[in-house]
Amino acid sequence: MRKHEKGLFRGRKISNTHSTTISLARVVIRALKPLEDVEKITIGPISRIAVGPPRIKMRTDPKSGQAHIQCRDSNSVQILWCRGEMRAIESALWDIPNVKFVRT
């Protein structure tokens, strides 16, 4: 195990588009990756935003049926797409401590 984590994810459930994540997205991926009901996690680009409280927003994309998860850190935001059972994904996100979770 490394002393310092770089925040890079690889593996069977992680897509190849982006591999760098913000700290809150790392927590979300670690919560979702071990779930049997999750088929694939796609990591989106990182955008800078104004300072604000960390939170997680989740909605279901009507076209693809995937969970669209927005991870907002103190000054950046990252989108994750997750394919799998929605109830399992939502319950895993509710269990993340010290972060506000919003289902839209």
Protein backbone atom coordinates (compact mmCIF):
# COMPACT_ATOMS: atom_id res chain seq x y z
CA MET A 1 0.00 0.00 0.00
CA ARG A 2 1.22 3.51 -0.81
CA LYS A 3 1.85 6.16 1.80
CA HIS A 4 -0.07 8.80 -0.18
CA GLU A 5 -3.01 7.99 -2.40
CA LYS A 6 -3.03 9.63 -5.79
CA GLY A 7 -6.77 9.25 -6.36
CA LEU A 8 -6.38 7.14 -9.51
CA PHE A 9 -8.86 4.31 -10.03
CA ARG A 10 -8.61 1.35 -12.37
CA GLY A 11 -10.28 -2.01 -12.59
CA ARG A 12 -13.17 -3.99 -13.99
CA LYS A 13 -15.89 -1.57 -12.80
CA ILE A 14 -14.12 1.72 -13.62
CA SER A 15 -14.20 3.31 -17.10
CA ASN A 16 -11.13 4.54 -18.96
CA THR A 17 -12.28 8.08 -19.80
CA HIS A 18 -10.88 9.93 -16.76
CA SER A 19 -8.94 8.54 -13.82
CA THR A 20 -8.23 11.53 -11.58
CA THR A 21 -10.85 12.29 -8.93
CA ILE A 22 -11.59 14.91 -6.29
CA SER A 23 -11.60 13.82 -2.65
CA LEU A 24 -15.39 13.48 -2.33
CA ALA A 25 -15.61 11.49 -5.57
CA ARG A 26 -12.98 9.10 -4.15
CA VAL A 27 -15.18 8.51 -1.12
CA VAL A 28 -18.20 7.88 -3.36
CA ILE A 29 -16.29 5.45 -5.60
CA ARG A 30 -14.98 3.56 -2.58
CA ALA A 31 -18.56 3.24 -1.31
CA LEU A 32 -19.92 2.04 -4.68
CA LYS A 33 -17.11 -0.16 -6.02
CA PRO A 34 -17.54 -3.15 -3.64
CA LEU A 35 -21.31 -3.38 -4.28
CA GLU A 36 -22.37 -6.41 -6.30
CA ASP A 37 -25.30 -4.43 -7.77
CA VAL A 38 -22.98 -1.87 -9.42
CA GLU A 39 -21.96 -2.82 -12.96
CA LYS A 40 -19.91 0.18 -14.09
CA ILE A 41 -18.71 3.56 -12.76
CA THR A 42 -17.78 6.24 -15.28
CA ILE A 43 -15.67 9.13 -14.00
CA GLY A 44 -16.31 12.55 -15.53
CA PRO A 45 -14.18 15.69 -15.77
CA ILE A 46 -13.41 18.02 -12.85
CA SER A 47 -14.72 21.60 -12.90
CA ARG A 48 -13.84 24.48 -10.59
CA ILE A 49 -16.66 26.32 -8.83
CA ALA A 50 -17.18 28.87 -6.05
CA VAL A 51 -16.52 27.83 -2.46
CA GLY A 52 -19.39 25.98 -0.81
CA PRO A 53 -20.30 23.03 1.39
CA PRO A 54 -19.65 19.48 0.16
CA ARG A 55 -22.69 17.55 -1.05
CA ILE A 56 -23.74 14.71 -3.29
CA LYS A 57 -26.65 15.01 -5.75
CA MET A 58 -28.08 11.98 -7.49
CA ARG A 59 -30.63 11.69 -10.25
CA THR A 60 -31.58 8.97 -12.69
CA ASP A 61 -30.86 9.76 -16.33
CA PRO A 62 -34.11 9.04 -18.25
CA LYS A 63 -32.34 8.07 -21.50
CA SER A 64 -29.75 5.61 -20.21
CA GLY A 65 -31.25 4.66 -16.85
CA GLN A 66 -27.91 5.32 -15.13
CA ALA A 67 -27.39 7.17 -11.88
CA HIS A 68 -25.98 10.66 -12.51
CA ILE A 69 -24.02 11.56 -9.36
CA GLN A 70 -22.68 15.07 -8.84
CA CYS A 71 -19.93 15.25 -6.21
CA ARG A 72 -19.40 18.82 -4.99
CA ASP A 73 -16.27 19.39 -2.92
CA SER A 74 -15.30 22.69 -1.30
CA ASN A 75 -14.25 24.35 -4.59
CA SER A 76 -14.67 21.75 -7.34
CA VAL A 77 -17.33 19.49 -8.78
CA GLN A 78 -17.12 16.13 -10.56
CA ILE A 79 -19.79 14.05 -12.27
CA LEU A 80 -19.93 10.27 -11.94
CA TRP A 81 -22.24 7.96 -13.88
CA CYS A 82 -23.08 4.64 -12.29
CA ARG A 83 -24.89 1.71 -13.90
CA GLY A 84 -26.60 -0.75 -11.57
CA GLU A 85 -29.42 -1.20 -9.07
CA MET A 86 -30.63 2.30 -8.07
CA ARG A 87 -31.76 1.38 -4.55
CA ALA A 88 -28.34 -0.10 -3.69
CA ILE A 89 -26.55 2.95 -5.10
CA GLU A 90 -28.80 5.37 -3.21
CA SER A 91 -28.44 3.53 0.11
CA ALA A 92 -24.64 3.48 -0.25
CA LEU A 93 -24.63 7.25 -0.83
CA TRP A 94 -26.89 7.87 2.19
CA ASP A 95 -24.34 6.04 4.38
CA ILE A 96 -21.46 8.44 3.58
CA PRO A 97 -20.84 10.48 6.76
CA ASN A 98 -20.51 14.29 7.05
CA VAL A 99 -21.90 14.99 3.56
CA LYS A 100 -25.34 16.22 2.58
CA PHE A 101 -27.06 13.87 0.10
CA VAL A 102 -29.80 15.13 -2.21
CA ARG A 103 -31.95 12.93 -4.47
CA THR A 104 -33.47 14.90 -7.37
